[in-house]
Amino acid sequence: MSKAQKVAAVEHLKVELRESEAALLTSFRGLKVAEMTELRRSLAASQTEFKVVKNTLAKIAAKDIGLEDLLPLLEGSTAIAFVKGDPVTAAKGLDEISRKYPALVLKGGVLTGRVLSAERAAALANVAPREVLLAQIAGAFQAPLAKLAALLQAPVRSLGYALGAYRDKVTAGAPATADPAEPASEAAGAPAAEATLAEASPTEASAAPAPAPAAGTEV
């Protein structure tokens, strides 16, 4: 490979590492050509391109974009799965192939600019797919809203029942001769006013001014 080709390869790796949703590094020593072809086809569904890279060039690219923590992973045989789609789906695909072909070993990866260990990269395969997570989040938001709506409606219904029961009680207890048009408060208020006047204290009665004597009456 000429120097110009190496420079171009490094620039291409830098672009791939920057623009990919994730990059999963693997060791593939002992993997047969037919098995590698099957791997590439299975990863295509998640918009993932599986490429064999030279460690020396990959190290230069990693240094240039500030991924020095990736250097220890660039030893031995290295192939990188550049993920343009869902990283979880790609990790699941790699996990399935590695179970079928043990020669494929996950070494680590890069996700949102952070280097992942082999354990953390493998844990992506156990995460629920993006669609499932979004559905769970939507359900979590909808449940409290439904409960809130029920709480807001319940007191209104209860108040309506209480007012209706009170109205029925008042209607059932009203005198048969009472004028429906006459307010109950006015009908009950007249006797109460008379009783109040009749029960006025003597002090209050004596305090009232005496009537003036009639004309021609001797005082």
Protein backbone atom coordinates (compact mmCIF):
# COMPACT_ATOMS: atom_id res chain seq x y z
CA MET A 1 0.00 0.00 0.00
CA SER A 2 1.42 3.36 -1.03
CA LYS A 3 1.70 6.33 1.30
CA ALA A 4 -1.16 8.07 -0.49
CA GLN A 5 -3.32 4.99 -0.07
CA LYS A 6 -2.50 4.82 3.64
CA VAL A 7 -3.39 8.49 4.10
CA ALA A 8 -6.69 7.93 2.29
CA ALA A 9 -7.41 4.83 4.39
CA VAL A 10 -6.77 6.74 7.62
CA GLU A 11 -9.08 9.58 6.54
CA HIS A 12 -11.77 7.07 5.64
CA LEU A 13 -11.49 5.40 9.07
CA LYS A 14 -11.75 8.78 10.79
CA VAL A 15 -14.95 9.56 8.90
CA GLU A 16 -16.41 6.14 9.70
CA LEU A 17 -15.61 6.44 13.40
CA ARG A 18 -17.07 9.93 13.61
CA GLU A 19 -20.24 9.42 11.59
CA SER A 20 -21.26 5.94 12.71
CA GLU A 21 -23.82 5.53 15.48
CA ALA A 22 -21.47 2.94 16.95
CA ALA A 23 -18.37 0.95 16.05
CA LEU A 24 -18.00 -2.58 17.41
CA LEU A 25 -14.48 -4.04 17.31
CA THR A 26 -14.05 -7.79 16.93
CA SER A 27 -11.36 -10.41 16.60
CA PHE A 28 -12.06 -12.82 13.75
CA ARG A 29 -9.03 -15.11 13.71
CA GLY A 30 -10.13 -18.52 12.44
CA LEU A 31 -13.36 -17.25 10.88
CA LYS A 32 -13.84 -18.76 7.43
CA VAL A 33 -14.65 -16.76 4.32
CA ALA A 34 -18.16 -18.23 4.06
CA GLU A 35 -18.80 -17.41 7.71
CA MET A 36 -17.55 -13.85 7.21
CA THR A 37 -19.92 -13.47 4.25
CA GLU A 38 -22.84 -14.72 6.36
CA LEU A 39 -21.89 -12.22 9.07
CA ARG A 40 -21.85 -9.30 6.66
CA ARG A 41 -25.24 -10.26 5.23
CA SER A 42 -26.84 -10.60 8.67
CA LEU A 43 -25.54 -7.19 9.76
CA ALA A 44 -26.78 -5.46 6.61
CA ALA A 45 -30.31 -5.42 8.07
CA SER A 46 -29.14 -3.03 10.81
CA GLN A 47 -27.27 -0.83 8.30
CA THR A 48 -23.94 -2.13 9.58
CA GLU A 49 -20.82 -2.58 7.47
CA PHE A 50 -18.27 -5.11 8.69
CA LYS A 51 -14.71 -4.24 7.61
CA VAL A 52 -11.29 -5.76 8.29
CA VAL A 53 -8.82 -2.98 9.23
CA LYS A 54 -5.07 -2.63 9.72
CA ASN A 55 -4.27 -1.86 13.35
CA THR A 56 -1.50 0.62 12.50
CA LEU A 57 -3.81 2.74 10.37
CA ALA A 58 -6.71 2.41 12.81
CA LYS A 59 -4.48 3.62 15.66
CA ILE A 60 -3.52 6.73 13.69
CA ALA A 61 -7.17 7.46 12.95
CA ALA A 62 -8.17 6.92 16.60
CA LYS A 63 -5.44 9.28 17.84
CA ASP A 64 -6.39 11.97 15.34
CA ILE A 65 -10.00 12.10 16.57
CA GLY A 66 -9.23 11.82 20.28
CA LEU A 67 -10.05 8.14 20.87
CA GLU A 68 -6.78 7.15 22.56
CA ASP A 69 -8.65 4.71 24.82
CA LEU A 70 -9.35 2.66 21.71
CA LEU A 71 -5.67 1.87 21.10
CA PRO A 72 -5.42 -1.15 23.47
CA LEU A 73 -8.23 -2.82 21.53
CA LEU A 74 -6.37 -2.51 18.24
CA GLU A 75 -4.22 -5.60 18.68
CA GLY A 76 -4.32 -8.91 16.85
CA SER A 77 -6.84 -9.48 14.09
CA THR A 78 -9.34 -6.61 13.99
CA ALA A 79 -12.56 -6.11 12.11
CA ILE A 80 -14.89 -3.22 12.89
CA ALA A 81 -18.66 -3.21 12.51
CA PHE A 82 -19.55 0.38 11.59
CA VAL A 83 -23.17 0.84 12.63
CA LYS A 84 -25.28 3.39 10.77
CA GLY A 85 -28.59 2.12 12.18
CA ASP A 86 -29.58 0.88 15.63
CA PRO A 87 -26.51 -0.15 17.70
CA VAL A 88 -28.61 -2.52 19.79
CA THR A 89 -29.80 -4.42 16.72
CA ALA A 90 -26.23 -4.64 15.44
CA ALA A 91 -24.96 -5.89 18.81
CA LYS A 92 -27.66 -8.54 18.85
CA GLY A 93 -26.64 -9.65 15.37
CA LEU A 94 -22.98 -9.94 16.37
CA ASP A 95 -23.95 -11.83 19.50
CA GLU A 96 -25.97 -14.37 17.51
CA ILE A 97 -23.13 -14.94 15.03
CA SER A 98 -20.53 -15.24 17.80
CA ARG A 99 -22.64 -17.95 19.45
CA LYS A 100 -22.76 -19.80 16.15
CA TYR A 101 -19.10 -19.15 15.31
CA PRO A 102 -16.96 -18.83 18.48
CA ALA A 103 -14.02 -17.58 16.39
CA LEU A 104 -15.74 -14.18 16.33
CA VAL A 105 -14.93 -12.38 19.61
CA LEU A 106 -16.16 -8.92 20.59
CA LYS A 107 -13.25 -6.78 21.85
CA GLY A 108 -15.09 -3.54 22.63
CA GLY A 109 -16.46 -0.58 20.78
CA VAL A 110 -17.31 3.09 20.48
CA LEU A 111 -20.74 4.53 21.24
CA THR A 112 -21.59 8.26 21.04
CA GLY A 113 -17.88 9.12 21.18
CA ARG A 114 -17.12 6.95 24.22
CA VAL A 115 -14.99 3.83 24.19
CA LEU A 116 -16.68 0.71 25.55
CA SER A 117 -15.03 -2.31 27.10
CA ALA A 118 -15.85 -5.78 25.80
CA GLU A 119 -18.32 -6.28 28.66
CA ARG A 120 -20.14 -3.01 28.03
CA ALA A 121 -20.24 -3.57 24.29
CA ALA A 122 -21.67 -7.06 24.81
CA ALA A 123 -24.31 -5.63 27.18
CA LEU A 124 -25.84 -3.75 24.23
CA ALA A 125 -27.16 -7.07 22.98
CA ASN A 126 -29.32 -7.36 26.12
CA VAL A 127 -30.93 -3.94 25.74
CA ALA A 128 -34.48 -3.80 24.39
CA PRO A 129 -34.76 -2.49 20.80
CA ARG A 130 -35.36 1.22 20.30
CA GLU A 131 -39.00 0.72 19.27
CA VAL A 132 -39.73 -1.23 22.48
CA LEU A 133 -38.03 1.41 24.64
CA LEU A 134 -40.02 4.21 22.96
CA ALA A 135 -43.25 2.29 23.49
CA GLN A 136 -42.39 1.79 27.17
CA ILE A 137 -41.62 5.49 27.59
CA ALA A 138 -44.89 6.46 25.90
CA GLY A 139 -46.79 4.08 28.18
CA ALA A 140 -45.10 5.51 31.24
CA PHE A 141 -46.27 9.01 30.25
CA GLN A 142 -49.81 7.92 29.40
CA ALA A 143 -50.48 6.02 32.64
CA PRO A 144 -50.16 9.04 34.99
CA LEU A 145 -52.27 11.16 32.62
CA ALA A 146 -55.04 8.57 32.68
CA LYS A 147 -54.92 8.42 36.48
CA LEU A 148 -54.99 12.21 36.70
CA ALA A 149 -58.05 12.37 34.44
CA ALA A 150 -59.84 9.82 36.63
CA LEU A 151 -58.99 11.78 39.78
CA LEU A 152 -60.27 15.01 38.25
CA GLN A 153 -63.53 13.40 37.14
CA ALA A 154 -64.28 11.47 40.34
CA PRO A 155 -64.94 14.49 42.65
CA VAL A 156 -67.19 16.08 40.01
CA ARG A 157 -69.32 12.94 39.82
CA SER A 158 -69.44 12.61 43.61
CA LEU A 159 -70.50 16.25 44.02
CA GLY A 160 -73.24 15.78 41.44
CA TYR A 161 -74.55 12.72 43.29
CA ALA A 162 -74.46 14.58 46.62
CA LEU A 163 -76.35 17.61 45.25
CA GLY A 164 -78.93 15.37 43.65
CA ALA A 165 -79.49 13.46 46.89
CA TYR A 166 -79.83 16.71 48.87
CA ARG A 167 -82.36 18.07 46.36
CA ASP A 168 -84.46 14.89 46.62
CA LYS A 169 -84.35 15.06 50.42
CA VAL A 170 -85.48 18.70 50.51
CA THR A 171 -88.25 18.05 48.01
CA ALA A 172 -89.56 15.04 49.95
CA GLY A 173 -89.60 16.96 53.29
CA ALA A 174 -91.41 20.12 52.04
CA PRO A 175 -95.04 20.78 53.39
CA ALA A 176 -97.83 19.83 51.05
CA THR A 177 -99.47 23.32 51.26
CA ALA A 178 -96.32 25.27 50.63
CA ASP A 179 -96.31 27.46 47.60
CA PRO A 180 -93.72 26.04 45.21
CA ALA A 181 -92.93 29.53 44.01
CA GLU A 182 -92.22 30.81 47.51
CA PRO A 183 -88.62 30.36 48.62
CA ALA A 184 -88.29 28.09 51.61
CA SER A 185 -86.08 30.61 53.39
CA GLU A 186 -88.79 33.32 53.18
CA ALA A 187 -91.59 30.97 54.30
CA ALA A 188 -89.63 29.85 57.34
CA GLY A 189 -88.28 33.32 58.05
CA ALA A 190 -91.66 35.01 58.89
CA PRO A 191 -92.57 32.95 62.00
CA ALA A 192 -89.02 33.17 63.19
CA ALA A 193 -89.13 36.98 62.96
CA GLU A 194 -92.41 37.16 64.89
CA ALA A 195 -91.03 34.93 67.63
CA THR A 196 -87.99 37.12 67.91
CA LEU A 197 -90.12 40.25 68.39
CA ALA A 198 -92.36 38.51 70.92
CA GLU A 199 -89.41 37.38 72.97
CA ALA A 200 -87.81 40.83 73.15
CA SER A 201 -86.43 41.56 76.64
CA PRO A 202 -88.24 43.98 78.97
CA THR A 203 -85.24 46.24 78.91
CA GLU A 204 -85.45 46.59 75.19
CA ALA A 205 -89.26 47.20 75.46
CA SER A 206 -88.90 49.92 78.06
CA ALA A 207 -86.16 51.56 76.14
CA ALA A 208 -88.55 52.26 73.29
CA PRO A 209 -90.11 55.78 73.35
CA ALA A 210 -93.70 56.00 74.80
CA PRO A 211 -96.51 57.07 72.46
CA ALA A 212 -97.52 60.77 72.61
CA PRO A 213 -100.84 61.51 74.53
CA ALA A 214 -103.94 62.25 72.54
CA ALA A 215 -105.09 65.83 72.20
CA GLY A 216 -107.33 67.06 75.08
CA THR A 217 -106.20 64.30 77.38
CA GLU A 218 -105.16 65.39 80.84
CA VAL A 219 -101.69 64.33 81.82
